[in-house]
């Protein structure tokens, strides 16, 4: 059954109005019509079985049939801090890590970030990224979309991560002593994990030292050097498999 997203269900006479974007997708793209069933998911993690009652110029009116069991979230809270990538790569990273169940994504600007801060386009980027996370929710059936935070600068990101609970790592291709596999073997099950991924050009030595001084552990993922968007997906997959809900 197809899934659609709504921030909050507001019923009036047993009906709720589907937002314009989702309504347009229902009618114009999927050619859905009256009495067609679907699943409505909310920003609160709720799920409902519903049917299209009628369509008007205002949009699509749906009738709620029943509530559905809320999908359990992963036992490990995964936060990904990602240096902002080129648009196509950033979109792909957000989509796939959202499908895999990250709790939040914190975009940030670092010294080698190709995309530089632009106040005029920042709000549009954020809106676009959040829409991708919502679409991923409909694809994978998770309870709530990944939280996409406002982009911040590198030092702000480091300061915020230093205050987080749990394990905090940065993937760095220059790390020779510590690798992710060894770290995971040494640790028991954890509830909170934060992973930091650099830009296409990687982190500078100064940036790595700053993170190390803040209690963030640099680790490698072996001999391979992964693209930035691939690294975020690989890291999320590994953590979900080891401590989360992937493969259970």
C-alpha atoms as a PDB file:
ATOM      1  CA  UNK A   1       0.000   0.000   0.000  1.00  0.00           C
ATOM      2  CA  UNK A   2       1.390   3.415  -0.942  1.00  0.00           C
ATOM      3  CA  UNK A   3       2.617   5.702   1.831  1.00  0.00           C
ATOM      4  CA  UNK A   4       2.165   9.455   2.140  1.00  0.00           C
ATOM      5  CA  UNK A   5       3.415  11.948   4.693  1.00  0.00           C
ATOM      6  CA  UNK A   6       1.606  14.626   6.681  1.00  0.00           C
ATOM      7  CA  UNK A   7       3.049  16.594   9.597  1.00  0.00           C
ATOM      8  CA  UNK A   8      -0.108  16.308  11.697  1.00  0.00           C
ATOM      9  CA  UNK A   9      -3.580  14.898  11.141  1.00  0.00           C
ATOM     10  CA  UNK A  10      -6.334  17.418  11.769  1.00  0.00           C
ATOM     11  CA  UNK A  11      -9.705  15.741  11.406  1.00  0.00           C
ATOM     12  CA  UNK A  12     -12.901  17.596  10.603  1.00  0.00           C
ATOM     13  CA  UNK A  13     -16.116  15.583  10.408  1.00  0.00           C
ATOM     14  CA  UNK A  14     -14.048  12.403  10.187  1.00  0.00           C
ATOM     15  CA  UNK A  15     -11.996  13.742   7.267  1.00  0.00           C
ATOM     16  CA  UNK A  16      -8.512  15.152   6.920  1.00  0.00           C
ATOM     17  CA  UNK A  17      -7.124  17.292   4.126  1.00  0.00           C
ATOM     18  CA  UNK A  18      -3.971  15.964   2.479  1.00  0.00           C
ATOM     19  CA  UNK A  19      -1.303  18.660   1.885  1.00  0.00           C
ATOM     20  CA  UNK A  20      -1.099  20.067  -1.632  1.00  0.00           C
ATOM     21  CA  UNK A  21       2.219  18.435  -2.597  1.00  0.00           C
ATOM     22  CA  UNK A  22       1.147  14.944  -1.533  1.00  0.00           C
ATOM     23  CA  UNK A  23      -2.338  15.437  -2.971  1.00  0.00           C
ATOM     24  CA  UNK A  24      -0.901  16.435  -6.341  1.00  0.00           C
ATOM     25  CA  UNK A  25       1.330  13.361  -6.348  1.00  0.00           C
ATOM     26  CA  UNK A  26      -1.664  11.156  -5.532  1.00  0.00           C
ATOM     27  CA  UNK A  27      -3.933  12.477  -8.254  1.00  0.00           C
ATOM     28  CA  UNK A  28      -1.683  13.780 -11.026  1.00  0.00           C
ATOM     29  CA  UNK A  29       1.157  11.256 -10.871  1.00  0.00           C
ATOM     30  CA  UNK A  30      -0.315   8.076  -9.392  1.00  0.00           C
ATOM     31  CA  UNK A  31      -3.821   8.624 -10.794  1.00  0.00           C
ATOM     32  CA  UNK A  32      -5.429   7.615  -7.517  1.00  0.00           C
ATOM     33  CA  UNK A  33      -9.167   8.114  -7.110  1.00  0.00           C
ATOM     34  CA  UNK A  34     -12.012   7.886  -4.595  1.00  0.00           C
ATOM     35  CA  UNK A  35     -11.969   4.784  -2.350  1.00  0.00           C
ATOM     36  CA  UNK A  36      -8.315   4.013  -3.121  1.00  0.00           C
ATOM     37  CA  UNK A  37      -6.571   2.938   0.116  1.00  0.00           C
ATOM     38  CA  UNK A  38      -3.196   4.227   1.320  1.00  0.00           C
ATOM     39  CA  UNK A  39      -1.094   4.640   4.457  1.00  0.00           C
ATOM     40  CA  UNK A  40      -0.742   8.079   6.012  1.00  0.00           C
ATOM     41  CA  UNK A  41       2.354   8.696   8.138  1.00  0.00           C
ATOM     42  CA  UNK A  42       2.828  11.676  10.440  1.00  0.00           C
ATOM     43  CA  UNK A  43       5.744  13.664  11.801  1.00  0.00           C
ATOM     44  CA  UNK A  44       4.896  12.212  15.234  1.00  0.00           C
ATOM     45  CA  UNK A  45       5.680   8.678  14.133  1.00  0.00           C
ATOM     46  CA  UNK A  46       2.040   7.661  13.759  1.00  0.00           C
ATOM     47  CA  UNK A  47       0.661   5.533  10.943  1.00  0.00           C
ATOM     48  CA  UNK A  48      -2.919   5.285   9.707  1.00  0.00           C
ATOM     49  CA  UNK A  49      -4.768   3.312   7.087  1.00  0.00           C
ATOM     50  CA  UNK A  50      -6.920   5.704   5.072  1.00  0.00           C
ATOM     51  CA  UNK A  51      -8.961   5.944   1.879  1.00  0.00           C
ATOM     52  CA  UNK A  52      -9.545   8.804  -0.520  1.00  0.00           C
ATOM     53  CA  UNK A  53     -13.029  10.167   0.090  1.00  0.00           C
ATOM     54  CA  UNK A  54     -13.137  12.838  -2.588  1.00  0.00           C
ATOM     55  CA  UNK A  55     -11.044  15.387  -4.453  1.00  0.00           C
ATOM     56  CA  UNK A  56     -11.767  19.094  -4.718  1.00  0.00           C
ATOM     57  CA  UNK A  57      -9.936  22.223  -5.798  1.00  0.00           C
ATOM     58  CA  UNK A  58      -8.645  22.486  -2.225  1.00  0.00           C
ATOM     59  CA  UNK A  59      -7.020  19.075  -2.455  1.00  0.00           C
ATOM     60  CA  UNK A  60      -7.688  15.491  -1.426  1.00  0.00           C
ATOM     61  CA  UNK A  61      -9.961  14.624   1.481  1.00  0.00           C
ATOM     62  CA  UNK A  62      -9.247  11.309   3.168  1.00  0.00           C
ATOM     63  CA  UNK A  63     -11.119   9.218   5.711  1.00  0.00           C
ATOM     64  CA  UNK A  64      -9.084   7.583   8.461  1.00  0.00           C
ATOM     65  CA  UNK A  65      -9.917   3.882   8.779  1.00  0.00           C
ATOM     66  CA  UNK A  66      -7.690   2.789  11.651  1.00  0.00           C
ATOM     67  CA  UNK A  67      -4.391   3.394  13.376  1.00  0.00           C
ATOM     68  CA  UNK A  68      -1.436   1.182  12.569  1.00  0.00           C
ATOM     69  CA  UNK A  69       1.283  -0.116  14.909  1.00  0.00           C
ATOM     70  CA  UNK A  70       4.105   2.375  15.296  1.00  0.00           C
ATOM     71  CA  UNK A  71       7.360   1.016  13.912  1.00  0.00           C
ATOM     72  CA  UNK A  72      10.023   0.618  16.575  1.00  0.00           C
ATOM     73  CA  UNK A  73      13.025   2.895  16.187  1.00  0.00           C
ATOM     74  CA  UNK A  74      16.571   1.557  16.134  1.00  0.00           C
ATOM     75  CA  UNK A  75      18.043   0.740  19.568  1.00  0.00           C
ATOM     76  CA  UNK A  76      21.037   2.907  18.702  1.00  0.00           C
ATOM     77  CA  UNK A  77      20.743   6.635  18.062  1.00  0.00           C
ATOM     78  CA  UNK A  78      22.933   7.460  15.039  1.00  0.00           C
ATOM     79  CA  UNK A  79      23.869  11.062  14.306  1.00  0.00           C
ATOM     80  CA  UNK A  80      25.815  11.794  11.124  1.00  0.00           C
ATOM     81  CA  UNK A  81      27.735  15.059  10.757  1.00  0.00           C
ATOM     82  CA  UNK A  82      28.440  15.527   7.056  1.00  0.00           C
ATOM     83  CA  UNK A  83      30.564  18.214   5.444  1.00  0.00           C
ATOM     84  CA  UNK A  84      28.358  19.712   2.741  1.00  0.00           C
ATOM     85  CA  UNK A  85      28.900  17.995  -0.604  1.00  0.00           C
ATOM     86  CA  UNK A  86      27.978  18.902  -4.159  1.00  0.00           C
ATOM     87  CA  UNK A  87      24.170  18.844  -4.552  1.00  0.00           C
ATOM     88  CA  UNK A  88      23.739  15.444  -6.207  1.00  0.00           C
ATOM     89  CA  UNK A  89      26.095  13.728  -3.751  1.00  0.00           C
ATOM     90  CA  UNK A  90      24.504  15.432  -0.736  1.00  0.00           C
ATOM     91  CA  UNK A  91      21.018  14.425  -1.862  1.00  0.00           C
ATOM     92  CA  UNK A  92      22.104  10.813  -2.318  1.00  0.00           C
ATOM     93  CA  UNK A  93      23.773  10.677   1.096  1.00  0.00           C
ATOM     94  CA  UNK A  94      20.703  12.085   2.853  1.00  0.00           C
ATOM     95  CA  UNK A  95      18.345   9.723   1.042  1.00  0.00           C
ATOM     96  CA  UNK A  96      20.305   6.544   1.742  1.00  0.00           C
ATOM     97  CA  UNK A  97      21.336   7.240   5.334  1.00  0.00           C
ATOM     98  CA  UNK A  98      17.723   8.233   6.070  1.00  0.00           C
ATOM     99  CA  UNK A  99      16.515   4.919   4.644  1.00  0.00           C
ATOM    100  CA  UNK A 100      19.068   3.142   6.827  1.00  0.00           C
ATOM    101  CA  UNK A 101      17.690   4.803   9.943  1.00  0.00           C
ATOM    102  CA  UNK A 102      19.949   7.664  11.052  1.00  0.00           C
ATOM    103  CA  UNK A 103      18.386   9.842  13.723  1.00  0.00           C
ATOM    104  CA  UNK A 104      19.818  13.121  12.505  1.00  0.00           C
ATOM    105  CA  UNK A 105      22.110  14.655   9.910  1.00  0.00           C
ATOM    106  CA  UNK A 106      24.142  17.756  10.716  1.00  0.00           C
ATOM    107  CA  UNK A 107      25.495  19.461   7.573  1.00  0.00           C
ATOM    108  CA  UNK A 108      28.551  21.643   8.145  1.00  0.00           C
ATOM    109  CA  UNK A 109      31.098  23.765   6.294  1.00  0.00           C
ATOM    110  CA  UNK A 110      34.774  22.845   6.631  1.00  0.00           C
ATOM    111  CA  UNK A 111      37.942  24.318   5.148  1.00  0.00           C
ATOM    112  CA  UNK A 112      37.833  22.159   2.017  1.00  0.00           C
ATOM    113  CA  UNK A 113      34.089  22.227   1.506  1.00  0.00           C
ATOM    114  CA  UNK A 114      33.430  22.992  -2.158  1.00  0.00           C
ATOM    115  CA  UNK A 115      29.990  24.508  -1.487  1.00  0.00           C
ATOM    116  CA  UNK A 116      30.437  27.721   0.476  1.00  0.00           C
ATOM    117  CA  UNK A 117      27.902  29.393   2.814  1.00  0.00           C
ATOM    118  CA  UNK A 118      25.161  31.273   0.994  1.00  0.00           C
ATOM    119  CA  UNK A 119      22.410  32.800   3.135  1.00  0.00           C
ATOM    120  CA  UNK A 120      20.106  33.252   0.152  1.00  0.00           C
ATOM    121  CA  UNK A 121      20.080  29.562  -0.761  1.00  0.00           C
ATOM    122  CA  UNK A 122      20.499  28.020   2.714  1.00  0.00           C
ATOM    123  CA  UNK A 123      16.779  27.871   3.492  1.00  0.00           C
ATOM    124  CA  UNK A 124      16.002  26.349   0.084  1.00  0.00           C
ATOM    125  CA  UNK A 125      18.696  23.703   0.583  1.00  0.00           C
ATOM    126  CA  UNK A 126      17.358  22.824   4.017  1.00  0.00           C
ATOM    127  CA  UNK A 127      13.785  22.543   2.735  1.00  0.00           C
ATOM    128  CA  UNK A 128      14.969  20.338  -0.123  1.00  0.00           C
ATOM    129  CA  UNK A 129      16.978  18.061   2.181  1.00  0.00           C
ATOM    130  CA  UNK A 130      14.044  17.647   4.562  1.00  0.00           C
ATOM    131  CA  UNK A 131      11.791  16.663   1.675  1.00  0.00           C
ATOM    132  CA  UNK A 132      14.316  13.978   0.725  1.00  0.00           C
ATOM    133  CA  UNK A 133      14.257  12.649   4.304  1.00  0.00           C
ATOM    134  CA  UNK A 134      10.446  12.549   4.210  1.00  0.00           C
ATOM    135  CA  UNK A 135      10.482  10.640   0.927  1.00  0.00           C
ATOM    136  CA  UNK A 136      12.937   8.164   2.442  1.00  0.00           C
ATOM    137  CA  UNK A 137      10.534   7.644   5.345  1.00  0.00           C
ATOM    138  CA  UNK A 138       7.802   6.622   2.910  1.00  0.00           C
ATOM    139  CA  UNK A 139      10.186   4.277   1.125  1.00  0.00           C
ATOM    140  CA  UNK A 140      11.507   2.375   4.135  1.00  0.00           C
ATOM    141  CA  UNK A 141       8.556   2.602   6.529  1.00  0.00           C
ATOM    142  CA  UNK A 142      10.447   4.154   9.449  1.00  0.00           C
ATOM    143  CA  UNK A 143       8.407   5.892  12.130  1.00  0.00           C
ATOM    144  CA  UNK A 144       9.752   9.450  11.841  1.00  0.00           C
ATOM    145  CA  UNK A 145      12.000  11.144   9.268  1.00  0.00           C
ATOM    146  CA  UNK A 146      15.635  11.851  10.009  1.00  0.00           C
ATOM    147  CA  UNK A 147      16.102  15.291  11.525  1.00  0.00           C
ATOM    148  CA  UNK A 148      18.035  17.517   9.113  1.00  0.00           C
ATOM    149  CA  UNK A 149      19.614  20.382  11.029  1.00  0.00           C
ATOM    150  CA  UNK A 150      20.573  23.841   9.820  1.00  0.00           C
ATOM    151  CA  UNK A 151      24.088  23.918   8.328  1.00  0.00           C
ATOM    152  CA  UNK A 152      26.763  25.194  10.717  1.00  0.00           C
ATOM    153  CA  UNK A 153      30.495  25.887  10.571  1.00  0.00           C
ATOM    154  CA  UNK A 154      33.136  23.311  11.454  1.00  0.00           C
ATOM    155  CA  UNK A 155      34.065  24.670  14.881  1.00  0.00           C
ATOM    156  CA  UNK A 156      30.406  24.878  15.907  1.00  0.00           C
ATOM    157  CA  UNK A 157      29.952  21.267  14.852  1.00  0.00           C
ATOM    158  CA  UNK A 158      32.961  20.099  16.872  1.00  0.00           C
ATOM    159  CA  UNK A 159      31.740  21.958  19.945  1.00  0.00           C
ATOM    160  CA  UNK A 160      28.282  20.388  19.636  1.00  0.00           C
ATOM    161  CA  UNK A 161      29.625  16.858  19.090  1.00  0.00           C
ATOM    162  CA  UNK A 162      31.984  17.165  22.075  1.00  0.00           C
ATOM    163  CA  UNK A 163      28.918  17.534  24.310  1.00  0.00           C
ATOM    164  CA  UNK A 164      27.152  14.452  22.946  1.00  0.00           C
ATOM    165  CA  UNK A 165      26.898  11.123  24.760  1.00  0.00           C
ATOM    166  CA  UNK A 166      28.219   7.802  23.496  1.00  0.00           C
ATOM    167  CA  UNK A 167      30.872   7.041  20.900  1.00  0.00           C
ATOM    168  CA  UNK A 168      32.092   9.869  18.669  1.00  0.00           C
ATOM    169  CA  UNK A 169      34.305   9.149  15.674  1.00  0.00           C
ATOM    170  CA  UNK A 170      35.580  10.910  12.580  1.00  0.00           C
ATOM    171  CA  UNK A 171      36.385   8.875   9.493  1.00  0.00           C
ATOM    172  CA  UNK A 172      39.856   9.960   8.379  1.00  0.00           C
ATOM    173  CA  UNK A 173      41.880   8.284   5.670  1.00  0.00           C
ATOM    174  CA  UNK A 174      45.112   9.444   7.298  1.00  0.00           C
ATOM    175  CA  UNK A 175      44.567   7.490  10.525  1.00  0.00           C
ATOM    176  CA  UNK A 176      47.168   4.718  10.850  1.00  0.00           C
ATOM    177  CA  UNK A 177      46.648   3.389  14.385  1.00  0.00           C
ATOM    178  CA  UNK A 178      42.904   3.062  14.933  1.00  0.00           C
ATOM    179  CA  UNK A 179      40.356   1.470  12.627  1.00  0.00           C
ATOM    180  CA  UNK A 180      36.587   1.180  12.916  1.00  0.00           C
ATOM    181  CA  UNK A 181      36.546  -2.632  13.129  1.00  0.00           C
ATOM    182  CA  UNK A 182      38.881  -2.668  16.144  1.00  0.00           C
ATOM    183  CA  UNK A 183      36.922   0.094  17.860  1.00  0.00           C
ATOM    184  CA  UNK A 184      33.652  -1.814  17.472  1.00  0.00           C
ATOM    185  CA  UNK A 185      35.204  -4.990  18.863  1.00  0.00           C
ATOM    186  CA  UNK A 186      36.474  -3.133  21.913  1.00  0.00           C
ATOM    187  CA  UNK A 187      33.126  -1.536  22.702  1.00  0.00           C
ATOM    188  CA  UNK A 188      30.013  -3.236  23.961  1.00  0.00           C
ATOM    189  CA  UNK A 189      26.569  -2.296  22.752  1.00  0.00           C
ATOM    190  CA  UNK A 190      25.987   1.472  22.813  1.00  0.00           C
ATOM    191  CA  UNK A 191      22.886   3.647  22.677  1.00  0.00           C
ATOM    192  CA  UNK A 192      24.421   6.717  21.039  1.00  0.00           C
ATOM    193  CA  UNK A 193      26.840   6.993  18.120  1.00  0.00           C
ATOM    194  CA  UNK A 194      28.060  10.077  16.257  1.00  0.00           C
ATOM    195  CA  UNK A 195      30.023   9.805  13.023  1.00  0.00           C
ATOM    196  CA  UNK A 196      31.722  12.723  11.263  1.00  0.00           C
ATOM    197  CA  UNK A 197      32.418  12.608   7.523  1.00  0.00           C
ATOM    198  CA  UNK A 198      34.557  15.143   5.689  1.00  0.00           C
ATOM    199  CA  UNK A 199      34.157  16.846   2.296  1.00  0.00           C
ATOM    200  CA  UNK A 200      35.382  15.581  -1.078  1.00  0.00           C
ATOM    201  CA  UNK A 201      38.890  16.880  -0.335  1.00  0.00           C
ATOM    202  CA  UNK A 202      39.017  15.465   3.192  1.00  0.00           C
ATOM    203  CA  UNK A 203      39.888  17.196   6.461  1.00  0.00           C
ATOM    204  CA  UNK A 204      43.033  19.221   7.075  1.00  0.00           C
ATOM    205  CA  UNK A 205      45.483  18.047   9.731  1.00  0.00           C
ATOM    206  CA  UNK A 206      44.530  21.042  11.862  1.00  0.00           C
ATOM    207  CA  UNK A 207      40.857  20.090  11.726  1.00  0.00           C
ATOM    208  CA  UNK A 208      41.640  16.499  12.722  1.00  0.00           C
ATOM    209  CA  UNK A 209      43.734  17.701  15.666  1.00  0.00           C
ATOM    210  CA  UNK A 210      40.909  19.969  16.801  1.00  0.00           C
ATOM    211  CA  UNK A 211      38.463  17.052  16.744  1.00  0.00           C
ATOM    212  CA  UNK A 212      40.916  14.771  18.522  1.00  0.00           C
ATOM    213  CA  UNK A 213      41.318  17.382  21.252  1.00  0.00           C
ATOM    214  CA  UNK A 214      37.520  17.475  21.667  1.00  0.00           C
ATOM    215  CA  UNK A 215      37.375  13.747  22.413  1.00  0.00           C
ATOM    216  CA  UNK A 216      36.410  12.664  18.899  1.00  0.00           C
ATOM    217  CA  UNK A 217      38.266   9.510  17.830  1.00  0.00           C
ATOM    218  CA  UNK A 218      39.792   9.444  14.306  1.00  0.00           C
ATOM    219  CA  UNK A 219      39.347   6.020  12.690  1.00  0.00           C
ATOM    220  CA  UNK A 220      39.951   4.524   9.274  1.00  0.00           C
ATOM    221  CA  UNK A 221      37.768   1.993   7.478  1.00  0.00           C
ATOM    222  CA  UNK A 222      40.702  -0.071   6.267  1.00  0.00           C
ATOM    223  CA  UNK A 223      42.809   0.364   3.157  1.00  0.00           C
ATOM    224  CA  UNK A 224      40.022   1.693   0.935  1.00  0.00           C
ATOM    225  CA  UNK A 225      39.474   5.409   0.474  1.00  0.00           C
ATOM    226  CA  UNK A 226      35.739   5.940   0.101  1.00  0.00           C
ATOM    227  CA  UNK A 227      33.927   8.816  -1.535  1.00  0.00           C
ATOM    228  CA  UNK A 228      32.370  11.106   1.062  1.00  0.00           C
ATOM    229  CA  UNK A 229      28.775  10.080   0.346  1.00  0.00           C
ATOM    230  CA  UNK A 230      29.750   6.392   0.278  1.00  0.00           C
ATOM    231  CA  UNK A 231      31.535   6.718   3.631  1.00  0.00           C
ATOM    232  CA  UNK A 232      28.406   8.014   5.370  1.00  0.00           C
ATOM    233  CA  UNK A 233      26.293   5.174   3.964  1.00  0.00           C
ATOM    234  CA  UNK A 234      28.893   2.525   4.823  1.00  0.00           C
ATOM    235  CA  UNK A 235      29.300   3.843   8.365  1.00  0.00           C
ATOM    236  CA  UNK A 236      25.551   3.912   8.990  1.00  0.00           C
ATOM    237  CA  UNK A 237      25.163   0.382   7.628  1.00  0.00           C
ATOM    238  CA  UNK A 238      27.948  -0.983   9.841  1.00  0.00           C
ATOM    239  CA  UNK A 239      26.594   0.629  13.015  1.00  0.00           C
ATOM    240  CA  UNK A 240      23.030  -0.490  12.322  1.00  0.00           C
ATOM    241  CA  UNK A 241      24.240  -4.037  11.696  1.00  0.00           C
ATOM    242  CA  UNK A 242      26.418  -4.155  14.817  1.00  0.00           C
ATOM    243  CA  UNK A 243      24.170  -2.370  17.307  1.00  0.00           C
ATOM    244  CA  UNK A 244      20.962  -1.378  15.539  1.00  0.00           C
ATOM    245  CA  UNK A 245      18.034  -3.012  13.771  1.00  0.00           C
ATOM    246  CA  UNK A 246      19.618  -4.017  10.466  1.00  0.00           C
ATOM    247  CA  UNK A 247      19.470  -7.749   9.885  1.00  0.00           C
ATOM    248  CA  UNK A 248      17.262  -8.630  12.868  1.00  0.00           C
END
